[in-house]
Amino acid sequence: MEKQILTYAEKLKSLRDTKKAVEDEVKFLNGEIEEVTAELVDLMTESEMPSFTHSGFSYSLSTRTFASPFAGDKEALYEALRDNGYGGLITETVNANTLSSTVSELIEQNDGSCPDWLAGKVNTYDKVSVRIAKSRKS
């Protein structure tokens, strides 16, 4: 019985060590992906090339708007959302992706600027990335 316990203890330790090594590798790869993406975005932007196809894949610039409440002032944002017909977004909190997509739509509907009733209550920023998809061309 004791031998079995020690065997499982060693296996558990080995699995956790492997998991930690894989997590470290993923962190490193994510950093590399961010750097290469930023370089590619810059090159595509400078070349005025919003999309291209290469080796059976299409690459295109993609902009996504992110939104979050101003630090320490979530309640003011929640109150503004409720007062303007968006109370359904709020459970205990507002899902970050739902908030981002809703704010993005509101900005689009308001000719590219944040509606006055949201001003000072929400931070927004755009993140440009590269979308990669299998090319439709044969």
N, C-alpha and C. Protein backbone atom coordinates (compact mmCIF):
# COMPACT_ATOMS: atom_id res chain seq x y z
N MET A 1 0.83 -1.20 0.00
CA MET A 1 0.00 0.00 0.00
C MET A 1 0.88 1.26 0.00
N GLU A 2 1.90 1.28 0.85
CA GLU A 2 2.78 2.45 0.92
C GLU A 2 3.51 2.65 -0.40
N LYS A 3 3.92 1.55 -1.06
CA LYS A 3 4.60 1.65 -2.35
C LYS A 3 3.66 2.27 -3.38
N GLN A 4 2.41 1.88 -3.33
CA GLN A 4 1.42 2.42 -4.27
C GLN A 4 1.22 3.92 -4.03
N ILE A 5 1.19 4.33 -2.77
CA ILE A 5 1.04 5.75 -2.44
C ILE A 5 2.22 6.53 -2.99
N LEU A 6 3.43 6.01 -2.78
CA LEU A 6 4.63 6.70 -3.26
C LEU A 6 4.66 6.77 -4.79
N THR A 7 4.20 5.72 -5.43
CA THR A 7 4.15 5.71 -6.89
C THR A 7 3.22 6.80 -7.40
N TYR A 8 2.04 6.90 -6.78
CA TYR A 8 1.10 7.94 -7.19
C TYR A 8 1.61 9.34 -6.83
N ALA A 9 2.28 9.47 -5.71
CA ALA A 9 2.85 10.76 -5.32
C ALA A 9 3.88 11.22 -6.36
N GLU A 10 4.72 10.32 -6.80
CA GLU A 10 5.73 10.65 -7.81
C GLU A 10 5.08 11.00 -9.14
N LYS A 11 4.05 10.23 -9.50
CA LYS A 11 3.35 10.51 -10.75
C LYS A 11 2.68 11.88 -10.70
N LEU A 12 2.03 12.20 -9.56
CA LEU A 12 1.38 13.49 -9.40
C LEU A 12 2.40 14.62 -9.52
N LYS A 13 3.53 14.47 -8.85
CA LYS A 13 4.58 15.49 -8.90
C LYS A 13 5.08 15.66 -10.33
N SER A 14 5.29 14.57 -11.03
CA SER A 14 5.76 14.62 -12.41
C SER A 14 4.74 15.30 -13.31
N LEU A 15 3.46 14.98 -13.16
CA LEU A 15 2.41 15.60 -13.96
C LEU A 15 2.32 17.10 -13.70
N ARG A 16 2.43 17.50 -12.45
CA ARG A 16 2.38 18.93 -12.13
C ARG A 16 3.59 19.66 -12.69
N ASP A 17 4.76 19.03 -12.63
CA ASP A 17 5.97 19.63 -13.21
C ASP A 17 5.81 19.79 -14.72
N THR A 18 5.26 18.78 -15.37
CA THR A 18 5.03 18.84 -16.82
C THR A 18 4.03 19.94 -17.14
N LYS A 19 2.96 20.02 -16.37
CA LYS A 19 1.95 21.05 -16.58
C LYS A 19 2.56 22.43 -16.45
N LYS A 20 3.39 22.66 -15.44
CA LYS A 20 4.04 23.95 -15.24
C LYS A 20 4.94 24.29 -16.43
N ALA A 21 5.68 23.31 -16.93
CA ALA A 21 6.56 23.54 -18.09
C ALA A 21 5.74 23.90 -19.32
N VAL A 22 4.61 23.23 -19.53
CA VAL A 22 3.75 23.52 -20.67
C VAL A 22 3.14 24.92 -20.52
N GLU A 23 2.71 25.29 -19.32
CA GLU A 23 2.15 26.63 -19.08
C GLU A 23 3.20 27.71 -19.35
N ASP A 24 4.43 27.46 -18.93
CA ASP A 24 5.52 28.41 -19.21
C ASP A 24 5.75 28.53 -20.71
N GLU A 25 5.70 27.42 -21.43
CA GLU A 25 5.87 27.44 -22.88
C GLU A 25 4.73 28.21 -23.56
N VAL A 26 3.51 28.01 -23.08
CA VAL A 26 2.36 28.73 -23.63
C VAL A 26 2.52 30.24 -23.40
N LYS A 27 2.97 30.64 -22.21
CA LYS A 27 3.21 32.07 -21.94
C LYS A 27 4.24 32.63 -22.92
N PHE A 28 5.31 31.89 -23.14
CA PHE A 28 6.35 32.32 -24.07
C PHE A 28 5.78 32.45 -25.48
N LEU A 29 5.04 31.43 -25.93
CA LEU A 29 4.46 31.45 -27.27
C LEU A 29 3.46 32.58 -27.43
N ASN A 30 2.65 32.85 -26.42
CA ASN A 30 1.71 33.97 -26.49
C ASN A 30 2.44 35.29 -26.66
N GLY A 31 3.56 35.45 -25.98
CA GLY A 31 4.36 36.66 -26.14
C GLY A 31 4.91 36.78 -27.55
N GLU A 32 5.40 35.66 -28.10
CA GLU A 32 5.91 35.65 -29.46
C GLU A 32 4.80 35.98 -30.47
N ILE A 33 3.63 35.40 -30.26
CA ILE A 33 2.48 35.66 -31.13
C ILE A 33 2.12 37.14 -31.10
N GLU A 34 2.10 37.75 -29.92
CA GLU A 34 1.80 39.18 -29.81
C GLU A 34 2.81 40.02 -30.57
N GLU A 35 4.09 39.70 -30.42
CA GLU A 35 5.14 40.47 -31.11
C GLU A 35 5.04 40.34 -32.63
N VAL A 36 4.88 39.13 -33.12
CA VAL A 36 4.80 38.91 -34.57
C VAL A 36 3.53 39.52 -35.13
N THR A 37 2.44 39.42 -34.39
CA THR A 37 1.19 40.04 -34.83
C THR A 37 1.35 41.55 -34.95
N ALA A 38 1.97 42.17 -33.94
CA ALA A 38 2.17 43.63 -33.97
C ALA A 38 3.03 44.03 -35.17
N GLU A 39 4.07 43.27 -35.45
CA GLU A 39 4.93 43.56 -36.59
C GLU A 39 4.16 43.42 -37.90
N LEU A 40 3.37 42.34 -38.03
CA LEU A 40 2.60 42.13 -39.25
C LEU A 40 1.55 43.21 -39.43
N VAL A 41 0.89 43.60 -38.36
CA VAL A 41 -0.10 44.68 -38.42
C VAL A 41 0.57 45.95 -38.92
N ASP A 42 1.72 46.28 -38.35
CA ASP A 42 2.45 47.49 -38.77
C ASP A 42 2.81 47.43 -40.26
N LEU A 43 3.35 46.29 -40.69
CA LEU A 43 3.75 46.15 -42.09
C LEU A 43 2.56 46.23 -43.04
N MET A 44 1.46 45.57 -42.68
CA MET A 44 0.26 45.60 -43.53
C MET A 44 -0.31 47.02 -43.59
N THR A 45 -0.29 47.72 -42.46
CA THR A 45 -0.81 49.08 -42.41
C THR A 45 0.06 50.02 -43.23
N GLU A 46 1.38 49.94 -43.04
CA GLU A 46 2.30 50.79 -43.81
C GLU A 46 2.18 50.53 -45.31
N SER A 47 1.95 49.28 -45.68
CA SER A 47 1.85 48.91 -47.09
C SER A 47 0.45 49.12 -47.65
N GLU A 48 -0.45 49.62 -46.81
CA GLU A 48 -1.86 49.80 -47.19
C GLU A 48 -2.42 48.52 -47.80
N MET A 49 -2.14 47.41 -47.11
CA MET A 49 -2.58 46.09 -47.55
C MET A 49 -3.44 45.49 -46.43
N PRO A 50 -4.76 45.75 -46.46
CA PRO A 50 -5.61 45.25 -45.39
C PRO A 50 -5.81 43.74 -45.41
N SER A 51 -5.49 43.11 -46.55
CA SER A 51 -5.62 41.65 -46.61
C SER A 51 -4.76 41.10 -47.74
N PHE A 52 -4.42 39.82 -47.62
CA PHE A 52 -3.68 39.13 -48.67
C PHE A 52 -3.86 37.64 -48.46
N THR A 53 -3.51 36.88 -49.51
CA THR A 53 -3.59 35.43 -49.45
C THR A 53 -2.18 34.87 -49.64
N HIS A 54 -1.85 33.85 -48.85
CA HIS A 54 -0.53 33.24 -48.95
C HIS A 54 -0.63 31.78 -48.49
N SER A 55 -0.11 30.89 -49.30
CA SER A 55 -0.04 29.45 -48.98
C SER A 55 -1.38 28.87 -48.54
N GLY A 56 -2.43 29.27 -49.22
CA GLY A 56 -3.75 28.68 -48.94
C GLY A 56 -4.49 29.32 -47.78
N PHE A 57 -3.95 30.41 -47.23
CA PHE A 57 -4.61 31.09 -46.12
C PHE A 57 -4.77 32.57 -46.45
N SER A 58 -5.89 33.14 -46.01
CA SER A 58 -6.07 34.58 -46.18
C SER A 58 -5.80 35.25 -44.83
N TYR A 59 -5.14 36.39 -44.91
CA TYR A 59 -4.77 37.17 -43.74
C TYR A 59 -5.44 38.53 -43.89
N SER A 60 -6.13 38.98 -42.85
CA SER A 60 -6.78 40.28 -42.94
C SER A 60 -6.72 41.00 -41.60
N LEU A 61 -6.61 42.32 -41.68
CA LEU A 61 -6.60 43.12 -40.46
C LEU A 61 -8.00 43.10 -39.85
N SER A 62 -8.03 43.01 -38.56
CA SER A 62 -9.30 42.95 -37.84
C SER A 62 -9.20 43.86 -36.62
N THR A 63 -10.18 44.74 -36.47
CA THR A 63 -10.19 45.65 -35.33
C THR A 63 -11.32 45.27 -34.41
N ARG A 64 -11.01 45.17 -33.12
CA ARG A 64 -12.02 44.83 -32.13
C ARG A 64 -11.99 45.89 -31.03
N THR A 65 -13.15 46.36 -30.65
CA THR A 65 -13.27 47.35 -29.59
C THR A 65 -13.48 46.65 -28.26
N PHE A 66 -12.71 47.06 -27.27
CA PHE A 66 -12.86 46.55 -25.91
C PHE A 66 -13.36 47.67 -25.03
N ALA A 67 -14.23 47.34 -24.09
CA ALA A 67 -14.80 48.34 -23.19
C ALA A 67 -14.77 47.82 -21.76
N SER A 68 -14.57 48.73 -20.84
CA SER A 68 -14.60 48.39 -19.42
C SER A 68 -15.05 49.61 -18.63
N PRO A 69 -15.64 49.38 -17.46
CA PRO A 69 -16.04 50.52 -16.64
C PRO A 69 -14.80 51.27 -16.15
N PHE A 70 -14.93 52.58 -15.94
CA PHE A 70 -13.84 53.32 -15.33
C PHE A 70 -13.56 52.69 -13.96
N ALA A 71 -12.30 52.63 -13.60
CA ALA A 71 -11.89 52.00 -12.34
C ALA A 71 -12.67 52.57 -11.16
N GLY A 72 -13.22 51.66 -10.36
CA GLY A 72 -13.92 52.06 -9.15
C GLY A 72 -15.27 52.71 -9.36
N ASP A 73 -15.77 52.70 -10.60
CA ASP A 73 -17.03 53.38 -10.86
C ASP A 73 -17.98 52.51 -11.68
N LYS A 74 -18.03 51.23 -11.37
CA LYS A 74 -18.92 50.31 -12.09
C LYS A 74 -20.38 50.70 -11.93
N GLU A 75 -20.74 51.13 -10.73
CA GLU A 75 -22.14 51.44 -10.46
C GLU A 75 -22.67 52.55 -11.35
N ALA A 76 -21.84 53.55 -11.64
CA ALA A 76 -22.28 54.64 -12.52
C ALA A 76 -22.56 54.10 -13.92
N LEU A 77 -21.73 53.19 -14.38
CA LEU A 77 -21.95 52.57 -15.69
C LEU A 77 -23.23 51.74 -15.66
N TYR A 78 -23.39 50.92 -14.62
CA TYR A 78 -24.58 50.08 -14.52
C TYR A 78 -25.85 50.92 -14.49
N GLU A 79 -25.82 52.03 -13.76
CA GLU A 79 -26.98 52.91 -13.68
C GLU A 79 -27.28 53.51 -15.06
N ALA A 80 -26.24 53.94 -15.78
CA ALA A 80 -26.43 54.50 -17.12
C ALA A 80 -27.01 53.45 -18.07
N LEU A 81 -26.52 52.21 -17.97
CA LEU A 81 -27.06 51.14 -18.81
C LEU A 81 -28.53 50.91 -18.51
N ARG A 82 -28.88 50.84 -17.21
CA ARG A 82 -30.28 50.64 -16.83
C ARG A 82 -31.15 51.78 -17.34
N ASP A 83 -30.68 53.03 -17.15
CA ASP A 83 -31.47 54.21 -17.53
C ASP A 83 -31.68 54.33 -19.03
N ASN A 84 -30.84 53.65 -19.82
CA ASN A 84 -30.93 53.77 -21.27
C ASN A 84 -31.36 52.48 -21.96
N GLY A 85 -32.02 51.61 -21.19
CA GLY A 85 -32.62 50.43 -21.78
C GLY A 85 -31.71 49.22 -21.94
N TYR A 86 -30.56 49.23 -21.27
CA TYR A 86 -29.63 48.11 -21.38
C TYR A 86 -29.46 47.39 -20.04
N GLY A 87 -30.42 47.50 -19.18
CA GLY A 87 -30.37 46.84 -17.87
C GLY A 87 -30.32 45.33 -17.97
N GLY A 88 -30.82 44.78 -19.07
CA GLY A 88 -30.80 43.34 -19.27
C GLY A 88 -29.39 42.77 -19.35
N LEU A 89 -28.40 43.62 -19.60
CA LEU A 89 -27.01 43.16 -19.65
C LEU A 89 -26.46 42.84 -18.27
N ILE A 90 -27.12 43.39 -17.25
CA ILE A 90 -26.59 43.32 -15.89
C ILE A 90 -27.24 42.16 -15.13
N THR A 91 -26.41 41.26 -14.67
CA THR A 91 -26.87 40.26 -13.71
C THR A 91 -26.30 40.75 -12.38
N GLU A 92 -25.27 40.14 -11.89
CA GLU A 92 -24.54 40.73 -10.76
C GLU A 92 -23.48 41.69 -11.29
N THR A 93 -22.95 41.34 -12.46
CA THR A 93 -21.97 42.17 -13.14
C THR A 93 -22.37 42.21 -14.61
N VAL A 94 -21.50 42.76 -15.44
CA VAL A 94 -21.72 42.74 -16.89
C VAL A 94 -20.59 41.94 -17.49
N ASN A 95 -20.94 40.95 -18.31
CA ASN A 95 -19.93 40.16 -18.99
C ASN A 95 -19.08 41.08 -19.86
N ALA A 96 -17.75 40.95 -19.76
CA ALA A 96 -16.83 41.84 -20.46
C ALA A 96 -17.03 41.80 -21.98
N ASN A 97 -17.22 40.61 -22.54
CA ASN A 97 -17.43 40.51 -23.98
C ASN A 97 -18.76 41.13 -24.40
N THR A 98 -19.79 40.93 -23.60
CA THR A 98 -21.10 41.51 -23.89
C THR A 98 -21.03 43.03 -23.82
N LEU A 99 -20.35 43.54 -22.80
CA LEU A 99 -20.20 44.99 -22.68
C LEU A 99 -19.44 45.55 -23.88
N SER A 100 -18.35 44.89 -24.25
CA SER A 100 -17.54 45.35 -25.38
C SER A 100 -18.34 45.38 -26.67
N SER A 101 -19.08 44.31 -26.95
CA SER A 101 -19.84 44.27 -28.20
C SER A 101 -20.99 45.28 -28.18
N THR A 102 -21.64 45.47 -27.03
CA THR A 102 -22.73 46.44 -26.93
C THR A 102 -22.20 47.86 -27.13
N VAL A 103 -21.10 48.19 -26.46
CA VAL A 103 -20.52 49.53 -26.59
C VAL A 103 -20.05 49.75 -28.03
N SER A 104 -19.47 48.73 -28.63
CA SER A 104 -19.04 48.83 -30.02
C SER A 104 -20.22 49.15 -30.94
N GLU A 105 -21.33 48.47 -30.75
CA GLU A 105 -22.54 48.73 -31.54
C GLU A 105 -23.06 50.15 -31.31
N LEU A 106 -23.05 50.57 -30.04
CA LEU A 106 -23.53 51.92 -29.72
C LEU A 106 -22.65 52.98 -30.37
N ILE A 107 -21.35 52.76 -30.38
CA ILE A 107 -20.43 53.70 -31.03
C ILE A 107 -20.69 53.74 -32.53
N GLU A 108 -20.90 52.57 -33.12
CA GLU A 108 -21.19 52.50 -34.56
C GLU A 108 -22.49 53.24 -34.88
N GLN A 109 -23.51 53.07 -34.06
CA GLN A 109 -24.80 53.73 -34.28
C GLN A 109 -24.71 55.24 -34.04
N ASN A 110 -23.69 55.68 -33.31
CA ASN A 110 -23.54 57.09 -32.96
C ASN A 110 -22.43 57.75 -33.79
N ASP A 111 -22.32 57.33 -35.05
CA ASP A 111 -21.36 57.90 -36.00
C ASP A 111 -19.91 57.85 -35.52
N GLY A 112 -19.56 56.76 -34.84
CA GLY A 112 -18.17 56.53 -34.47
C GLY A 112 -17.72 57.15 -33.15
N SER A 113 -18.65 57.70 -32.40
CA SER A 113 -18.24 58.23 -31.10
C SER A 113 -19.14 57.67 -30.00
N CYS A 114 -18.60 57.68 -28.82
CA CYS A 114 -19.31 57.14 -27.66
C CYS A 114 -20.53 58.02 -27.36
N PRO A 115 -21.70 57.43 -27.12
CA PRO A 115 -22.87 58.23 -26.78
C PRO A 115 -22.62 59.06 -25.52
N ASP A 116 -23.19 60.24 -25.47
CA ASP A 116 -22.99 61.15 -24.33
C ASP A 116 -23.30 60.48 -22.99
N TRP A 117 -24.35 59.66 -22.97
CA TRP A 117 -24.75 59.05 -21.71
C TRP A 117 -23.73 58.02 -21.20
N LEU A 118 -22.80 57.60 -22.05
CA LEU A 118 -21.74 56.68 -21.62
C LEU A 118 -20.42 57.40 -21.34
N ALA A 119 -20.31 58.63 -21.82
CA ALA A 119 -19.06 59.38 -21.66
C ALA A 119 -18.69 59.49 -20.18
N GLY A 120 -17.45 59.20 -19.89
CA GLY A 120 -16.97 59.28 -18.52
C GLY A 120 -17.31 58.08 -17.66
N LYS A 121 -17.99 57.11 -18.24
CA LYS A 121 -18.38 55.93 -17.48
C LYS A 121 -17.73 54.65 -18.00
N VAL A 122 -17.21 54.72 -19.22
CA VAL A 122 -16.64 53.52 -19.84
C VAL A 122 -15.35 53.87 -20.57
N ASN A 123 -14.36 53.01 -20.40
CA ASN A 123 -13.10 53.11 -21.15
C ASN A 123 -13.24 52.25 -22.39
N THR A 124 -12.77 52.74 -23.52
CA THR A 124 -12.76 51.91 -24.73
C THR A 124 -11.39 51.99 -25.38
N TYR A 125 -11.01 50.90 -26.01
CA TYR A 125 -9.81 50.92 -26.85
C TYR A 125 -9.99 49.89 -27.95
N ASP A 126 -9.37 50.18 -29.07
CA ASP A 126 -9.42 49.28 -30.22
C ASP A 126 -8.13 48.48 -30.27
N LYS A 127 -8.26 47.21 -30.58
CA LYS A 127 -7.09 46.35 -30.75
C LYS A 127 -7.13 45.81 -32.17
N VAL A 128 -6.06 46.08 -32.91
CA VAL A 128 -5.96 45.59 -34.28
C VAL A 128 -5.18 44.30 -34.25
N SER A 129 -5.69 43.31 -34.93
CA SER A 129 -5.05 42.00 -34.98
C SER A 129 -5.09 41.50 -36.42
N VAL A 130 -4.59 40.31 -36.62
CA VAL A 130 -4.63 39.69 -37.94
C VAL A 130 -5.49 38.44 -37.85
N ARG A 131 -6.51 38.40 -38.67
CA ARG A 131 -7.38 37.22 -38.74
C ARG A 131 -6.81 36.32 -39.82
N ILE A 132 -6.71 35.03 -39.51
CA ILE A 132 -6.20 34.04 -40.46
C ILE A 132 -7.31 33.02 -40.72
N ALA A 133 -7.58 32.80 -42.01
CA ALA A 133 -8.61 31.82 -42.37
C ALA A 133 -8.13 31.05 -43.59
N LYS A 134 -8.60 29.85 -43.70
CA LYS A 134 -8.29 29.05 -44.87
C LYS A 134 -8.87 29.76 -46.10
N SER A 135 -8.06 29.90 -47.11
CA SER A 135 -8.48 30.62 -48.30
C SER A 135 -9.57 29.83 -49.04
N ARG A 136 -10.52 30.55 -49.60
CA ARG A 136 -11.59 29.92 -50.36
C ARG A 136 -11.13 29.55 -51.76
N LYS A 137 -10.08 30.22 -52.21
CA LYS A 137 -9.57 29.95 -53.56
C LYS A 137 -8.83 28.61 -53.57
N SER A 138 -8.99 27.87 -54.64
CA SER A 138 -8.34 26.57 -54.76
C SER A 138 -6.97 26.72 -55.37
